[in-house]
N, C-alpha and C. Protein backbone atom coordinates (compact mmCIF):
# COMPACT_ATOMS: atom_id res chain seq x y z
N MET A 1 -32.32 -21.52 -33.46
CA MET A 1 -33.39 -20.44 -32.81
C MET A 1 -33.00 -19.11 -34.12
N SER A 2 -34.48 -18.58 -34.46
CA SER A 2 -34.01 -17.53 -35.53
C SER A 2 -33.91 -16.31 -34.40
N ALA A 3 -33.58 -15.09 -35.44
CA ALA A 3 -33.23 -13.82 -34.54
C ALA A 3 -34.92 -13.12 -34.19
N PRO A 4 -35.02 -12.28 -33.22
CA PRO A 4 -36.34 -11.70 -32.86
C PRO A 4 -36.72 -10.83 -34.30
N THR A 5 -38.13 -11.11 -34.46
CA THR A 5 -38.68 -10.37 -35.35
C THR A 5 -38.83 -8.91 -34.74
N LYS A 6 -38.69 -8.10 -35.80
CA LYS A 6 -38.78 -6.55 -35.53
C LYS A 6 -39.59 -5.77 -36.22
N ALA A 7 -40.37 -4.81 -35.59
CA ALA A 7 -41.26 -4.15 -36.37
C ALA A 7 -40.50 -3.04 -36.98
N ALA A 8 -41.01 -2.63 -38.29
CA ALA A 8 -40.55 -1.81 -39.28
C ALA A 8 -39.84 -0.54 -38.78
N ASP A 9 -40.47 -0.13 -37.91
CA ASP A 9 -39.99 1.25 -37.29
C ASP A 9 -39.82 0.68 -35.90
N SER A 10 -38.65 0.50 -35.40
CA SER A 10 -38.33 -0.49 -33.95
C SER A 10 -38.48 0.65 -32.78
N LYS A 11 -38.54 2.02 -32.91
CA LYS A 11 -38.42 3.00 -31.75
C LYS A 11 -39.70 2.42 -30.66
N VAL A 12 -39.08 2.33 -29.45
CA VAL A 12 -40.11 2.24 -28.65
C VAL A 12 -39.94 3.75 -27.50
N ALA A 13 -41.03 3.94 -26.81
CA ALA A 13 -41.32 5.26 -25.81
C ALA A 13 -42.16 4.57 -24.56
N MET A 14 -41.94 5.63 -23.70
CA MET A 14 -42.99 5.18 -22.61
C MET A 14 -42.70 7.08 -21.65
N VAL A 15 -43.69 6.86 -21.49
CA VAL A 15 -44.19 8.50 -20.69
C VAL A 15 -44.92 8.02 -18.96
N LEU A 16 -43.85 8.69 -18.32
CA LEU A 16 -44.12 8.37 -16.97
C LEU A 16 -44.62 9.97 -16.04
N MET A 17 -45.63 9.69 -15.51
CA MET A 17 -46.28 10.88 -15.02
C MET A 17 -45.01 11.48 -13.69
N LYS A 18 -44.71 12.52 -13.19
CA LYS A 18 -44.08 12.79 -12.45
C LYS A 18 -44.11 12.09 -11.01
N SER A 19 -43.22 11.82 -10.28
CA SER A 19 -43.75 11.08 -8.95
C SER A 19 -42.43 10.35 -8.39
N GLU A 20 -42.52 10.17 -6.99
CA GLU A 20 -41.45 9.35 -6.47
C GLU A 20 -41.20 8.28 -7.35
N GLU A 21 -42.04 7.71 -8.01
CA GLU A 21 -41.59 6.55 -8.66
C GLU A 21 -40.78 6.39 -9.74
N ALA A 22 -41.32 7.72 -10.76
CA ALA A 22 -41.11 8.17 -11.74
C ALA A 22 -39.61 8.47 -11.61
N ASP A 23 -39.14 9.28 -10.80
CA ASP A 23 -38.11 9.82 -10.56
C ASP A 23 -36.99 8.72 -9.87
N ALA A 24 -37.45 7.81 -9.40
CA ALA A 24 -36.50 6.87 -9.00
C ALA A 24 -36.33 5.80 -10.31
N THR A 25 -37.76 5.76 -11.05
CA THR A 25 -37.14 5.12 -12.51
C THR A 25 -35.90 5.53 -13.02
N ILE A 26 -36.05 6.80 -13.10
CA ILE A 26 -35.12 7.93 -14.16
C ILE A 26 -33.73 7.78 -13.75
N ASP A 27 -33.80 7.72 -12.33
CA ASP A 27 -32.24 7.39 -11.60
C ASP A 27 -31.74 6.14 -12.29
N VAL A 28 -32.66 5.00 -12.24
CA VAL A 28 -32.03 3.59 -12.22
C VAL A 28 -31.86 3.58 -13.68
N LEU A 29 -32.53 4.01 -14.41
CA LEU A 29 -32.28 4.11 -16.14
C LEU A 29 -31.24 4.90 -16.61
N THR A 30 -30.95 5.62 -15.66
CA THR A 30 -29.67 6.70 -16.24
C THR A 30 -28.25 5.85 -16.01
N VAL A 31 -28.42 4.99 -14.66
CA VAL A 31 -27.29 4.15 -14.15
C VAL A 31 -27.47 3.02 -15.27
N ASP A 32 -28.22 2.10 -15.13
CA ASP A 32 -28.54 0.96 -15.62
C ASP A 32 -28.69 1.04 -17.50
N HIS A 33 -29.16 1.78 -18.04
CA HIS A 33 -29.41 2.00 -19.59
C HIS A 33 -29.17 3.35 -19.60
N PRO A 34 -28.19 3.77 -19.75
CA PRO A 34 -27.57 5.04 -20.31
C PRO A 34 -27.99 5.49 -21.80
N ASP A 35 -28.56 4.81 -22.47
CA ASP A 35 -28.63 4.72 -23.72
C ASP A 35 -29.87 5.13 -23.98
N VAL A 36 -30.87 5.32 -22.93
CA VAL A 36 -32.68 5.25 -22.99
C VAL A 36 -32.40 7.05 -23.00
N LYS A 37 -33.04 7.72 -23.92
CA LYS A 37 -33.09 9.07 -23.99
C LYS A 37 -33.97 9.27 -22.99
N ILE A 38 -34.01 10.01 -22.25
CA ILE A 38 -35.17 10.53 -21.24
C ILE A 38 -35.02 12.34 -21.37
N VAL A 39 -36.26 12.51 -21.59
CA VAL A 39 -36.41 13.70 -21.70
C VAL A 39 -37.63 14.71 -20.64
N ASP A 40 -37.49 15.66 -19.81
CA ASP A 40 -38.39 16.39 -18.98
C ASP A 40 -39.30 17.29 -19.35
N GLN A 41 -40.06 16.61 -19.33
CA GLN A 41 -41.64 17.25 -20.23
C GLN A 41 -42.35 18.28 -19.40
N GLY A 42 -41.97 18.40 -18.25
CA GLY A 42 -42.46 19.44 -17.57
C GLY A 42 -43.40 18.73 -16.20
N PRO A 43 -44.76 18.34 -16.71
CA PRO A 43 -45.06 17.25 -15.58
C PRO A 43 -45.00 15.64 -15.86
N TYR A 44 -44.34 15.55 -16.68
CA TYR A 44 -43.97 14.21 -17.25
C TYR A 44 -42.54 13.81 -17.65
N TRP A 45 -42.13 12.61 -17.53
CA TRP A 45 -41.02 12.11 -18.21
C TRP A 45 -41.35 11.35 -19.60
N TYR A 46 -40.30 11.72 -20.75
CA TYR A 46 -40.77 11.13 -21.86
C TYR A 46 -39.09 10.38 -22.06
N LEU A 47 -39.40 8.76 -22.19
CA LEU A 47 -38.35 7.99 -22.52
C LEU A 47 -38.30 7.38 -23.92
N GLU A 48 -37.39 7.53 -24.50
CA GLU A 48 -36.98 6.70 -26.05
C GLU A 48 -35.83 6.01 -25.78
N HIS A 49 -35.98 4.67 -26.70
CA HIS A 49 -35.07 3.98 -27.33
C HIS A 49 -35.37 3.26 -28.45
N PRO A 50 -34.18 2.82 -28.97
CA PRO A 50 -34.54 2.19 -30.62
C PRO A 50 -35.13 1.05 -30.30
N THR A 51 -34.73 0.23 -29.37
CA THR A 51 -35.27 -1.27 -29.14
C THR A 51 -36.25 -1.60 -27.91
N GLU A 52 -35.46 -1.10 -26.99
CA GLU A 52 -36.06 -1.98 -25.68
C GLU A 52 -35.78 -0.80 -24.76
N ILE A 53 -36.86 -1.14 -23.74
CA ILE A 53 -36.83 -0.35 -22.17
C ILE A 53 -37.39 -1.04 -21.20
N ARG A 54 -36.19 -1.79 -19.97
CA ARG A 54 -36.79 -2.40 -19.14
C ARG A 54 -36.60 -1.76 -17.99
N VAL A 55 -37.77 -1.88 -17.02
CA VAL A 55 -37.70 -1.20 -15.87
C VAL A 55 -37.83 -2.21 -14.71
N ASP A 56 -36.54 -2.78 -14.16
CA ASP A 56 -36.95 -3.56 -12.70
C ASP A 56 -37.34 -2.88 -11.56
N MET A 57 -38.18 -3.50 -11.31
CA MET A 57 -38.72 -2.73 -9.91
C MET A 57 -38.17 -3.19 -8.75
N ALA A 58 -37.01 -3.96 -8.42
CA ALA A 58 -36.45 -4.05 -7.26
C ALA A 58 -35.20 -3.15 -7.61
N ARG A 59 -34.81 -2.84 -8.43
CA ARG A 59 -33.80 -1.76 -8.65
C ARG A 59 -34.44 -0.30 -8.23
N VAL A 60 -35.89 -0.37 -8.71
CA VAL A 60 -36.56 1.26 -8.38
C VAL A 60 -36.77 1.36 -6.88
N SER A 61 -37.24 0.12 -6.35
CA SER A 61 -37.50 -0.22 -5.20
C SER A 61 -36.25 0.60 -3.88
N GLU A 62 -34.92 0.15 -4.52
CA GLU A 62 -33.77 -0.16 -4.06
C GLU A 62 -33.44 1.27 -4.03
N GLU A 63 -34.09 2.43 -5.68
CA GLU A 63 -33.50 3.69 -5.63
C GLU A 63 -34.37 4.67 -4.65
N MET A 64 -35.86 3.95 -4.33
CA MET A 64 -36.66 4.66 -3.69
C MET A 64 -36.07 4.37 -1.91
N GLY A 65 -35.18 4.04 -1.36
CA GLY A 65 -34.70 3.40 0.17
C GLY A 65 -35.15 2.90 0.50
N GLY A 66 -35.52 1.60 -0.35
CA GLY A 66 -35.91 0.18 0.01
C GLY A 66 -37.35 -0.20 0.22
N LYS A 67 -38.28 1.35 -0.07
CA LYS A 67 -39.54 1.09 -0.34
C LYS A 67 -39.97 0.26 -0.86
N ASP A 68 -40.82 -0.89 -0.65
CA ASP A 68 -41.28 -2.01 -2.01
C ASP A 68 -42.47 -1.05 -2.72
N ILE A 69 -41.88 -1.64 -3.92
CA ILE A 69 -43.31 -1.34 -4.77
C ILE A 69 -43.76 -2.47 -6.28
N THR A 70 -44.77 -2.35 -6.01
CA THR A 70 -45.11 -3.73 -7.07
C THR A 70 -45.16 -3.69 -8.46
N ILE A 71 -45.35 -4.20 -9.42
CA ILE A 71 -45.77 -3.94 -10.73
C ILE A 71 -46.88 -2.89 -11.08
N GLY A 72 -47.60 -3.37 -9.83
CA GLY A 72 -49.13 -2.51 -10.22
C GLY A 72 -48.94 -1.43 -9.69
N GLN A 73 -48.68 -0.96 -8.75
CA GLN A 73 -48.08 0.17 -8.12
C GLN A 73 -47.62 1.02 -9.49
N TRP A 74 -46.18 0.64 -9.66
CA TRP A 74 -45.78 1.40 -10.48
C TRP A 74 -46.54 1.74 -12.03
N LEU A 75 -47.34 0.95 -12.62
CA LEU A 75 -48.05 1.27 -13.63
C LEU A 75 -49.10 2.18 -13.32
N VAL A 76 -49.38 2.38 -12.26
CA VAL A 76 -49.99 3.84 -12.17
C VAL A 76 -49.67 5.21 -12.84
N VAL A 77 -48.28 5.20 -12.30
CA VAL A 77 -47.50 6.14 -13.21
C VAL A 77 -47.14 6.41 -14.65
N MET A 78 -47.21 4.86 -15.17
CA MET A 78 -46.97 5.11 -16.39
C MET A 78 -48.15 5.41 -17.03
N SER A 79 -48.32 6.56 -18.19
CA SER A 79 -49.33 6.85 -18.41
C SER A 79 -50.07 6.31 -19.86
N THR A 80 -48.40 6.21 -20.91
CA THR A 80 -48.26 5.66 -22.26
C THR A 80 -47.10 5.04 -22.67
N PHE A 81 -47.47 4.24 -23.29
CA PHE A 81 -46.21 3.62 -24.25
C PHE A 81 -46.08 3.34 -25.83
N VAL A 82 -45.21 3.17 -25.95
CA VAL A 82 -44.94 2.85 -27.91
C VAL A 82 -44.45 1.83 -27.81
N GLY A 83 -44.81 0.64 -28.45
CA GLY A 83 -44.23 -0.71 -28.38
C GLY A 83 -45.21 -1.77 -27.95
N ARG A 84 -44.39 -3.05 -27.65
CA ARG A 84 -45.21 -4.13 -27.17
C ARG A 84 -44.85 -4.33 -26.13
N ALA A 85 -45.94 -4.28 -24.82
CA ALA A 85 -45.36 -4.45 -23.50
C ALA A 85 -45.66 -5.83 -23.21
N GLU A 86 -44.66 -6.17 -22.05
CA GLU A 86 -44.50 -7.41 -21.47
C GLU A 86 -44.17 -7.20 -19.82
N THR A 87 -45.02 -8.17 -18.98
CA THR A 87 -44.67 -7.47 -17.58
C THR A 87 -44.53 -8.96 -16.94
N ASP A 88 -43.61 -8.96 -16.15
CA ASP A 88 -44.04 -9.97 -14.92
C ASP A 88 -43.98 -9.51 -13.42
N ASP A 89 -43.79 -10.17 -12.65
CA ASP A 89 -43.73 -9.32 -11.18
C ASP A 89 -42.94 -8.75 -10.87
N ASP A 90 -41.54 -8.89 -11.34
CA ASP A 90 -40.48 -8.11 -11.28
C ASP A 90 -40.17 -6.82 -12.13
N SER A 91 -40.82 -6.81 -13.30
CA SER A 91 -40.07 -5.71 -14.05
C SER A 91 -41.43 -5.42 -15.18
N PHE A 92 -41.11 -4.18 -15.85
CA PHE A 92 -41.87 -4.05 -17.11
C PHE A 92 -41.09 -3.74 -18.17
N ARG A 93 -41.60 -4.18 -19.33
CA ARG A 93 -40.58 -4.09 -20.65
C ARG A 93 -41.45 -3.57 -21.65
N VAL A 94 -40.53 -2.45 -22.49
CA VAL A 94 -41.49 -2.21 -23.61
C VAL A 94 -40.70 -2.74 -24.74
N THR A 95 -40.71 -3.50 -25.75
CA THR A 95 -39.80 -3.54 -26.83
C THR A 95 -40.42 -3.50 -28.16
N SER A 96 -39.58 -3.42 -29.26
CA SER A 96 -40.01 -3.50 -30.61
C SER A 96 -40.08 -4.64 -31.24
N GLU A 97 -39.50 -6.13 -30.37
CA GLU A 97 -39.54 -7.40 -31.09
C GLU A 97 -41.56 -7.51 -31.22
N MET A 98 -41.56 -8.01 -32.20
CA MET A 98 -43.00 -8.79 -32.09
C MET A 98 -42.98 -9.84 -31.46
N LEU A 99 -43.48 -10.01 -30.33
CA LEU A 99 -43.26 -11.12 -29.29
C LEU A 99 -44.11 -12.33 -29.69
N GLU A 100 -45.09 -11.88 -30.43
CA GLU A 100 -46.28 -13.08 -30.91
C GLU A 100 -45.72 -14.06 -31.57
N LEU A 101 -45.08 -13.39 -32.74
CA LEU A 101 -44.48 -13.75 -33.54
C LEU A 101 -43.09 -14.79 -33.26
N ASN A 102 -42.47 -14.58 -32.11
CA ASN A 102 -41.39 -15.25 -31.31
C ASN A 102 -41.62 -16.48 -30.84
N GLU A 103 -43.06 -16.51 -30.37
CA GLU A 103 -43.23 -17.86 -29.60
C GLU A 103 -43.28 -19.20 -30.87
N PRO A 104 -42.64 -20.44 -30.01
CA PRO A 104 -43.13 -21.47 -30.75
C PRO A 104 -44.41 -21.85 -31.03
N VAL A 105 -44.60 -22.55 -32.08
CA VAL A 105 -45.82 -22.80 -32.67
C VAL A 105 -46.15 -24.48 -32.11
N PRO A 106 -47.16 -24.19 -31.12
CA PRO A 106 -47.23 -25.89 -30.72
C PRO A 106 -47.40 -26.81 -31.55
N ALA A 107 -47.00 -27.90 -31.48
CA ALA A 107 -47.46 -28.95 -32.39
C ALA A 107 -48.48 -29.72 -32.32
N THR A 108 -49.49 -30.01 -33.53
CA THR A 108 -50.73 -30.33 -33.42
C THR A 108 -50.48 -32.14 -33.32
N ALA A 109 -51.66 -32.26 -32.37
CA ALA A 109 -51.59 -33.92 -32.67
C ALA A 109 -52.07 -34.66 -34.01
N GLY A 110 -51.78 -35.45 -34.39
CA GLY A 110 -52.63 -35.70 -35.91
C GLY A 110 -52.57 -37.36 -36.21
């Protein structure tokens, strides 16, 4: 298996509008990923990391006192990001990996 391909400048970033969901996200990242740089920019939070930021919706929900939050609801407070985004039902990830280059190439019938 090959190593993930990285962009030349592998820094990733995310901006969250201040809200209950954003504050819960900040609290979760502070505990789960203390290496994420978090800067209070007044009306929004700026998050930065050299390679990846991953937000687990179950953890954000837990931090909000058990209030369910879907990825769609959470995306409303994220105003922008730098990197390559990947979502599923349970999380949002922005990474410096060049995801499309790490996918196996399907074999062609011949």
